[in-house]
């Protein structure tokens, strides 16, 4: 055994050394910088770091409305439309007249050139700045998600210069300057169609209309307005379910739907016997947007209820007295 080791030892050492050298020569994988791939634009503010170039290093620079920046030693450079890496190469090329091997890094400190407006029934409406490639779902998520009162569709409006929206519903607006498309809210929430999760472009306007409402008032446990969401119609029983059911003094047989007449303030009364619907003796009645379901109270029940409450209060007072 010792003889074998003596014979193969030098060769084995050479193999190990060669393997170590090969590993050392392999390029190391580093994470991409945070602004990698970002396309610069007007009003973006950048910070340049250049070794041996104190005139431009560590000084914030604003990209002008014309897309240019002015730098000492380098002069006027067109920055808009370039990625961060491309601008680094342009600056380094300009510094070669002064520095043998210039080392330059560029970081975006304020993103202002790629605004997207998101309006309507979202948690935080306003302006969102794109930082790289963002999808429709990511932008809605950045706005805090859809509100509880979101309607049935999401509307996207895009400038003509960024091309048509890649959706089947896309069409040019009457002016021909914008592409407009809609996406179903239900489809977005359920992520049923990945193709609808389009890439958002700068200056896109994403609007989420608020849902139309129906109202339930009177002797119910929770009166108020309720969003139709993705539904266009709702029934009396569904509306009562949203209102958590009838109050104990409700007169369900005398209920009525108050419906707008031709978009005016005048309303038509539609009698509804809720008691029969609940008992399965009458068909459910459909309601449409802006309908008001009114449940009156039973005067006798209400009077007896108030009397009972008065007796309870008197009894309580007597107990406390003794």
Protein backbone atom coordinates (compact mmCIF):
# COMPACT_ATOMS: atom_id res chain seq x y z
CA UNK A 1 0.00 0.00 0.00
CA UNK A 2 2.80 2.38 0.94
CA UNK A 3 4.48 1.62 -2.38
CA UNK A 4 1.29 2.51 -4.26
CA UNK A 5 0.99 5.82 -2.41
CA UNK A 6 4.62 6.57 -3.06
CA UNK A 7 4.10 5.98 -6.78
CA UNK A 8 0.76 7.85 -7.13
CA UNK A 9 1.31 10.59 -4.55
CA UNK A 10 2.85 13.26 -6.84
CA UNK A 11 0.25 12.65 -9.54
CA UNK A 12 -2.58 12.89 -7.00
CA UNK A 13 -1.22 16.21 -5.70
CA UNK A 14 -1.11 17.57 -9.25
CA UNK A 15 -4.76 16.54 -9.85
CA UNK A 16 -5.94 18.23 -6.63
CA UNK A 17 -4.03 21.43 -7.43
CA UNK A 18 -5.48 21.52 -10.95
CA UNK A 19 -9.02 21.07 -9.59
CA UNK A 20 -8.57 23.90 -7.07
CA UNK A 21 -7.25 26.22 -9.79
CA UNK A 22 -10.19 25.38 -12.06
CA UNK A 23 -12.68 26.17 -9.29
CA UNK A 24 -10.90 29.44 -8.51
CA UNK A 25 -11.08 30.50 -12.15
CA UNK A 26 -14.87 29.97 -12.38
CA UNK A 27 -16.80 33.27 -12.35
CA UNK A 28 -18.77 33.88 -9.17
CA UNK A 29 -22.51 34.53 -9.48
CA UNK A 30 -23.61 37.78 -7.92
CA UNK A 31 -27.09 39.13 -7.38
CA UNK A 32 -28.29 41.74 -9.85
CA UNK A 33 -28.18 45.30 -8.52
CA UNK A 34 -31.54 46.67 -7.34
CA UNK A 35 -31.91 49.03 -10.33
CA UNK A 36 -30.77 46.51 -12.92
CA UNK A 37 -32.79 46.72 -16.13
CA UNK A 38 -34.64 49.88 -15.12
CA UNK A 39 -35.15 52.25 -18.06
CA UNK A 40 -34.40 55.84 -17.09
CA UNK A 41 -36.68 58.71 -17.98
CA UNK A 42 -37.27 62.44 -17.45
CA UNK A 43 -37.51 63.60 -13.82
CA UNK A 44 -35.70 60.54 -12.47
CA UNK A 45 -33.00 61.50 -9.99
CA UNK A 46 -29.78 59.51 -10.10
CA UNK A 47 -26.65 59.30 -7.95
CA UNK A 48 -23.35 58.72 -9.74
CA UNK A 49 -20.28 57.21 -8.11
CA UNK A 50 -17.10 57.47 -10.16
CA UNK A 51 -13.66 56.48 -8.85
CA UNK A 52 -11.06 59.28 -9.21
CA UNK A 53 -13.72 61.70 -10.54
CA UNK A 54 -14.70 63.82 -7.56
CA UNK A 55 -16.36 66.42 -9.82
CA UNK A 56 -19.31 64.12 -10.52
CA UNK A 57 -19.11 61.53 -7.75
CA UNK A 58 -21.72 61.41 -4.94
CA UNK A 59 -23.78 64.28 -6.42
CA UNK A 60 -27.52 63.77 -7.17
CA UNK A 61 -28.39 64.57 -10.78
CA UNK A 62 -31.88 65.18 -12.17
CA UNK A 63 -32.65 63.95 -15.67
CA UNK A 64 -34.20 66.91 -17.47
CA UNK A 65 -37.52 67.05 -19.27
CA UNK A 66 -35.59 66.70 -22.55
CA UNK A 67 -34.02 63.46 -21.29
CA UNK A 68 -30.48 64.87 -20.96
CA UNK A 69 -28.06 65.21 -18.03
CA UNK A 70 -25.09 67.59 -17.85
CA UNK A 71 -22.01 66.29 -16.05
CA UNK A 72 -18.61 67.88 -15.42
CA UNK A 73 -15.79 66.26 -17.44
CA UNK A 74 -18.33 64.30 -19.53
CA UNK A 75 -20.66 67.00 -20.82
CA UNK A 76 -24.24 66.54 -22.05
CA UNK A 77 -25.53 62.96 -22.20
CA UNK A 78 -28.90 61.63 -23.30
CA UNK A 79 -30.00 59.44 -20.38
CA UNK A 80 -33.73 58.90 -21.01
CA UNK A 81 -34.40 55.56 -22.64
CA UNK A 82 -31.16 54.01 -21.37
CA UNK A 83 -30.94 51.38 -18.67
CA UNK A 84 -28.83 52.08 -15.61
CA UNK A 85 -26.09 49.82 -16.98
CA UNK A 86 -26.07 51.56 -20.36
CA UNK A 87 -25.73 54.97 -18.72
CA UNK A 88 -22.83 53.67 -16.63
CA UNK A 89 -21.05 52.66 -19.84
CA UNK A 90 -21.76 56.05 -21.47
CA UNK A 91 -20.32 57.95 -18.49
CA UNK A 92 -17.29 55.64 -18.32
CA UNK A 93 -16.68 56.20 -22.04
CA UNK A 94 -16.73 59.98 -21.51
CA UNK A 95 -14.28 59.73 -18.60
CA UNK A 96 -11.66 57.78 -20.55
CA UNK A 97 -10.15 61.05 -21.74
CA UNK A 98 -9.22 61.81 -18.12
CA UNK A 99 -9.05 58.43 -16.33
CA UNK A 100 -7.35 55.34 -17.69
CA UNK A 101 -9.83 52.76 -16.40
CA UNK A 102 -12.88 54.61 -15.09
CA UNK A 103 -15.16 52.76 -12.70
CA UNK A 104 -18.71 54.11 -12.61
CA UNK A 105 -21.91 53.09 -10.84
CA UNK A 106 -25.33 54.71 -11.18
CA UNK A 107 -28.24 54.36 -8.73
CA UNK A 108 -31.75 55.75 -9.04
CA UNK A 109 -32.60 57.61 -5.83
CA UNK A 110 -36.02 58.94 -6.92
CA UNK A 111 -38.29 57.24 -9.44
CA UNK A 112 -40.46 59.83 -11.20
CA UNK A 113 -40.50 59.00 -14.90
CA UNK A 114 -42.93 56.06 -15.07
CA UNK A 115 -46.13 57.06 -13.27
CA UNK A 116 -49.26 54.90 -13.32
CA UNK A 117 -52.58 56.27 -12.08
CA UNK A 118 -54.86 53.88 -10.20
CA UNK A 119 -58.29 55.29 -9.38
CA UNK A 120 -61.61 54.26 -7.90
CA UNK A 121 -62.44 51.38 -5.58
CA UNK A 122 -58.95 50.48 -4.34
CA UNK A 123 -57.55 50.85 -0.85
CA UNK A 124 -54.99 53.54 -1.76
CA UNK A 125 -55.76 55.33 -5.00
CA UNK A 126 -53.22 57.71 -6.55
CA UNK A 127 -49.95 57.62 -8.49
CA UNK A 128 -47.62 54.62 -8.43
CA UNK A 129 -44.14 54.77 -9.95
CA UNK A 130 -43.13 51.69 -11.92
CA UNK A 131 -39.76 50.26 -10.98
CA UNK A 132 -38.98 47.78 -13.68
CA UNK A 133 -41.60 45.48 -15.18
CA UNK A 134 -44.89 45.30 -13.24
CA UNK A 135 -48.07 43.39 -14.01
CA UNK A 136 -51.67 44.51 -13.53
CA UNK A 137 -52.05 42.35 -10.41
CA UNK A 138 -48.83 43.73 -8.90
CA UNK A 139 -49.94 47.35 -9.42
CA UNK A 140 -53.37 46.66 -7.86
CA UNK A 141 -51.61 44.97 -4.94
CA UNK A 142 -49.29 48.00 -4.56
CA UNK A 143 -52.44 50.13 -4.24
CA UNK A 144 -53.60 48.00 -1.31
CA UNK A 145 -55.88 45.74 -3.33
CA UNK A 146 -59.47 46.14 -4.45
CA UNK A 147 -61.98 47.75 -2.10
CA UNK A 148 -65.10 46.00 -0.82
CA UNK A 149 -67.16 48.30 -3.03
CA UNK A 150 -65.32 47.40 -6.26
CA UNK A 151 -67.54 47.01 -9.31
CA UNK A 152 -67.56 44.20 -11.83
CA UNK A 153 -64.71 45.37 -14.10
CA UNK A 154 -61.29 47.02 -14.21
CA UNK A 155 -60.67 49.54 -16.99
CA UNK A 156 -57.19 50.15 -18.45
CA UNK A 157 -56.40 53.19 -20.59
CA UNK A 158 -53.04 53.34 -22.41
CA UNK A 159 -51.31 55.97 -24.53
CA UNK A 160 -51.04 55.16 -28.23
CA UNK A 161 -47.23 55.44 -28.15
CA UNK A 162 -47.02 52.31 -25.96
CA UNK A 163 -49.04 50.22 -28.40
CA UNK A 164 -52.47 48.57 -28.07
CA UNK A 165 -53.38 46.76 -24.86
CA UNK A 166 -52.91 43.00 -25.45
CA UNK A 167 -56.44 42.01 -24.43
CA UNK A 168 -59.38 40.76 -26.56
CA UNK A 169 -61.53 43.66 -25.31
CA UNK A 170 -59.01 46.35 -26.36
CA UNK A 171 -60.22 49.10 -28.70
CA UNK A 172 -59.11 52.59 -29.66
CA UNK A 173 -60.97 55.48 -28.03
CA UNK A 174 -62.80 58.02 -30.26
CA UNK A 175 -59.77 60.33 -30.33
CA UNK A 176 -57.49 57.53 -31.52
CA UNK A 177 -54.85 58.55 -28.96
CA UNK A 178 -55.54 55.80 -26.43
CA UNK A 179 -56.15 52.08 -26.25
CA UNK A 180 -58.90 51.06 -23.80
CA UNK A 181 -59.69 47.59 -22.43
CA UNK A 182 -61.58 45.99 -19.55
CA UNK A 183 -60.90 43.00 -17.31
CA UNK A 184 -63.44 41.22 -15.11
CA UNK A 185 -62.86 41.78 -11.38
CA UNK A 186 -63.99 38.23 -10.66
CA UNK A 187 -61.49 36.89 -13.19
CA UNK A 188 -58.72 38.96 -11.59
CA UNK A 189 -59.57 37.84 -8.06
CA UNK A 190 -59.72 34.17 -9.07
CA UNK A 191 -56.69 34.40 -11.42
CA UNK A 192 -58.59 32.29 -13.95
CA UNK A 193 -56.90 33.74 -17.05
CA UNK A 194 -53.15 34.48 -16.74
CA UNK A 195 -53.22 36.34 -20.09
CA UNK A 196 -55.28 39.08 -18.44
CA UNK A 197 -52.41 39.82 -16.05
CA UNK A 198 -50.84 42.17 -18.60
CA UNK A 199 -47.67 44.21 -18.15
CA UNK A 200 -48.47 47.77 -17.11
CA UNK A 201 -46.84 50.59 -19.07
CA UNK A 202 -45.90 54.15 -17.98
CA UNK A 203 -48.82 56.60 -17.91
CA UNK A 204 -51.41 53.81 -17.89
CA UNK A 205 -54.63 54.74 -16.09
CA UNK A 206 -56.21 51.87 -14.17
CA UNK A 207 -59.70 52.65 -12.92
CA UNK A 208 -61.91 50.43 -10.80
CA UNK A 209 -65.50 51.73 -10.86
CA UNK A 210 -67.43 51.47 -7.64
CA UNK A 211 -70.21 48.90 -7.58
CA UNK A 212 -73.82 49.93 -7.85
CA UNK A 213 -75.83 49.55 -4.66
CA UNK A 214 -79.15 48.28 -3.43
CA UNK A 215 -80.55 49.45 -0.10
CA UNK A 216 -82.42 47.71 2.70
CA UNK A 217 -84.11 49.95 5.29
CA UNK A 218 -86.69 49.63 8.04
CA UNK A 219 -87.13 46.74 10.47
CA UNK A 220 -84.05 44.70 9.67
CA UNK A 221 -81.04 43.88 11.84
CA UNK A 222 -78.52 45.75 9.68
CA UNK A 223 -79.94 48.41 7.40
CA UNK A 224 -77.76 50.07 4.75
CA UNK A 225 -76.48 49.96 1.20
CA UNK A 226 -75.00 46.77 -0.22
CA UNK A 227 -72.72 46.48 -3.27
CA UNK A 228 -73.81 44.37 -6.20
CA UNK A 229 -70.12 43.65 -7.02
CA UNK A 230 -69.95 41.39 -10.07
CA UNK A 231 -73.70 40.77 -10.00
CA UNK A 232 -76.13 42.92 -11.95
CA UNK A 233 -79.19 41.64 -10.10
CA UNK A 234 -79.98 40.45 -6.61
CA UNK A 235 -83.12 38.97 -5.07
CA UNK A 236 -85.14 40.06 -2.04
CA UNK A 237 -83.97 37.03 -0.05
CA UNK A 238 -80.33 37.78 -0.87
CA UNK A 239 -80.79 41.40 0.17
CA UNK A 240 -82.40 40.28 3.45
CA UNK A 241 -79.49 37.94 4.04
CA UNK A 242 -77.06 40.85 3.64
CA UNK A 243 -79.19 42.82 6.12
CA UNK A 244 -78.98 39.86 8.55
CA UNK A 245 -82.72 39.16 8.43
CA UNK A 246 -85.90 40.72 9.74
CA UNK A 247 -86.17 42.48 13.06
CA UNK A 248 -88.56 40.95 15.63
CA UNK A 249 -91.12 43.74 15.09
CA UNK A 250 -90.98 43.58 11.28
CA UNK A 251 -94.13 43.41 9.21
CA UNK A 252 -92.78 41.34 6.34
CA UNK A 253 -96.10 40.98 4.53
CA UNK A 254 -96.26 44.76 4.00
CA UNK A 255 -92.77 45.17 2.56
CA UNK A 256 -92.21 47.04 -0.67
CA UNK A 257 -89.51 47.78 -3.23
CA UNK A 258 -89.02 51.44 -4.14
CA UNK A 259 -87.67 51.64 -7.70
CA UNK A 260 -86.51 54.70 -9.65
CA UNK A 261 -88.71 55.63 -12.62
CA UNK A 262 -86.70 56.41 -15.77
CA UNK A 263 -83.74 57.71 -13.79
CA UNK A 264 -85.80 60.40 -12.03
CA UNK A 265 -86.19 61.03 -8.31
CA UNK A 266 -89.75 59.64 -8.45
CA UNK A 267 -90.03 56.00 -7.37
CA UNK A 268 -92.51 53.27 -8.12
CA UNK A 269 -93.72 51.10 -5.22
CA UNK A 270 -93.70 47.33 -5.76
CA UNK A 271 -95.53 45.38 -3.00
CA UNK A 272 -93.62 42.36 -1.68
CA UNK A 273 -94.85 39.78 0.85
CA UNK A 274 -91.57 38.78 2.45
CA UNK A 275 -93.30 36.37 4.86
CA UNK A 276 -94.66 34.29 1.97
CA UNK A 277 -91.28 34.32 0.20
CA UNK A 278 -89.57 33.12 3.38
CA UNK A 279 -92.20 30.38 3.77
CA UNK A 280 -91.75 29.27 0.18
CA UNK A 281 -95.31 30.20 -0.74
CA UNK A 282 -94.31 32.95 -3.18
CA UNK A 283 -91.52 33.38 -5.70
CA UNK A 284 -88.46 35.43 -4.83
CA UNK A 285 -88.46 38.92 -6.36
CA UNK A 286 -85.43 40.29 -8.27
CA UNK A 287 -83.97 43.68 -7.37
CA UNK A 288 -81.84 45.93 -9.57
CA UNK A 289 -79.29 48.66 -8.88
CA UNK A 290 -80.52 51.55 -6.69
CA UNK A 291 -83.64 49.65 -5.54
CA UNK A 292 -84.71 50.25 -1.94
CA UNK A 293 -86.27 47.36 -0.01
CA UNK A 294 -88.40 48.84 2.76
CA UNK A 295 -89.54 46.60 5.64
CA UNK A 296 -92.12 48.41 7.83
CA UNK A 297 -92.63 47.51 11.47
CA UNK A 298 -95.71 45.91 13.00
CA UNK A 299 -97.39 48.57 15.15
CA UNK A 300 -98.92 46.02 17.55
CA UNK A 301 -95.64 44.13 17.93
CA UNK A 302 -93.77 47.38 18.38
CA UNK A 303 -96.24 48.60 21.06
CA UNK A 304 -96.14 45.29 22.96
CA UNK A 305 -92.35 45.29 22.71
CA UNK A 306 -92.14 48.78 24.16
CA UNK A 307 -94.57 47.76 26.96
CA UNK A 308 -92.46 44.72 27.77
CA UNK A 309 -89.35 46.84 27.90
CA UNK A 310 -91.10 49.30 30.24
CA UNK A 311 -92.16 46.44 32.57
CA UNK A 312 -88.63 45.08 32.60
CA UNK A 313 -87.30 48.54 33.48
CA UNK A 314 -89.86 48.90 36.28
CA UNK A 315 -88.99 45.47 37.61
CA UNK A 316 -85.32 46.29 37.51
CA UNK A 317 -85.99 49.56 39.33
CA UNK A 318 -87.99 47.69 42.00
CA UNK A 319 -85.18 45.21 42.53
CA UNK A 320 -82.65 47.98 42.83
CA UNK A 321 -85.03 49.82 45.24
CA UNK A 322 -85.29 46.89 47.62
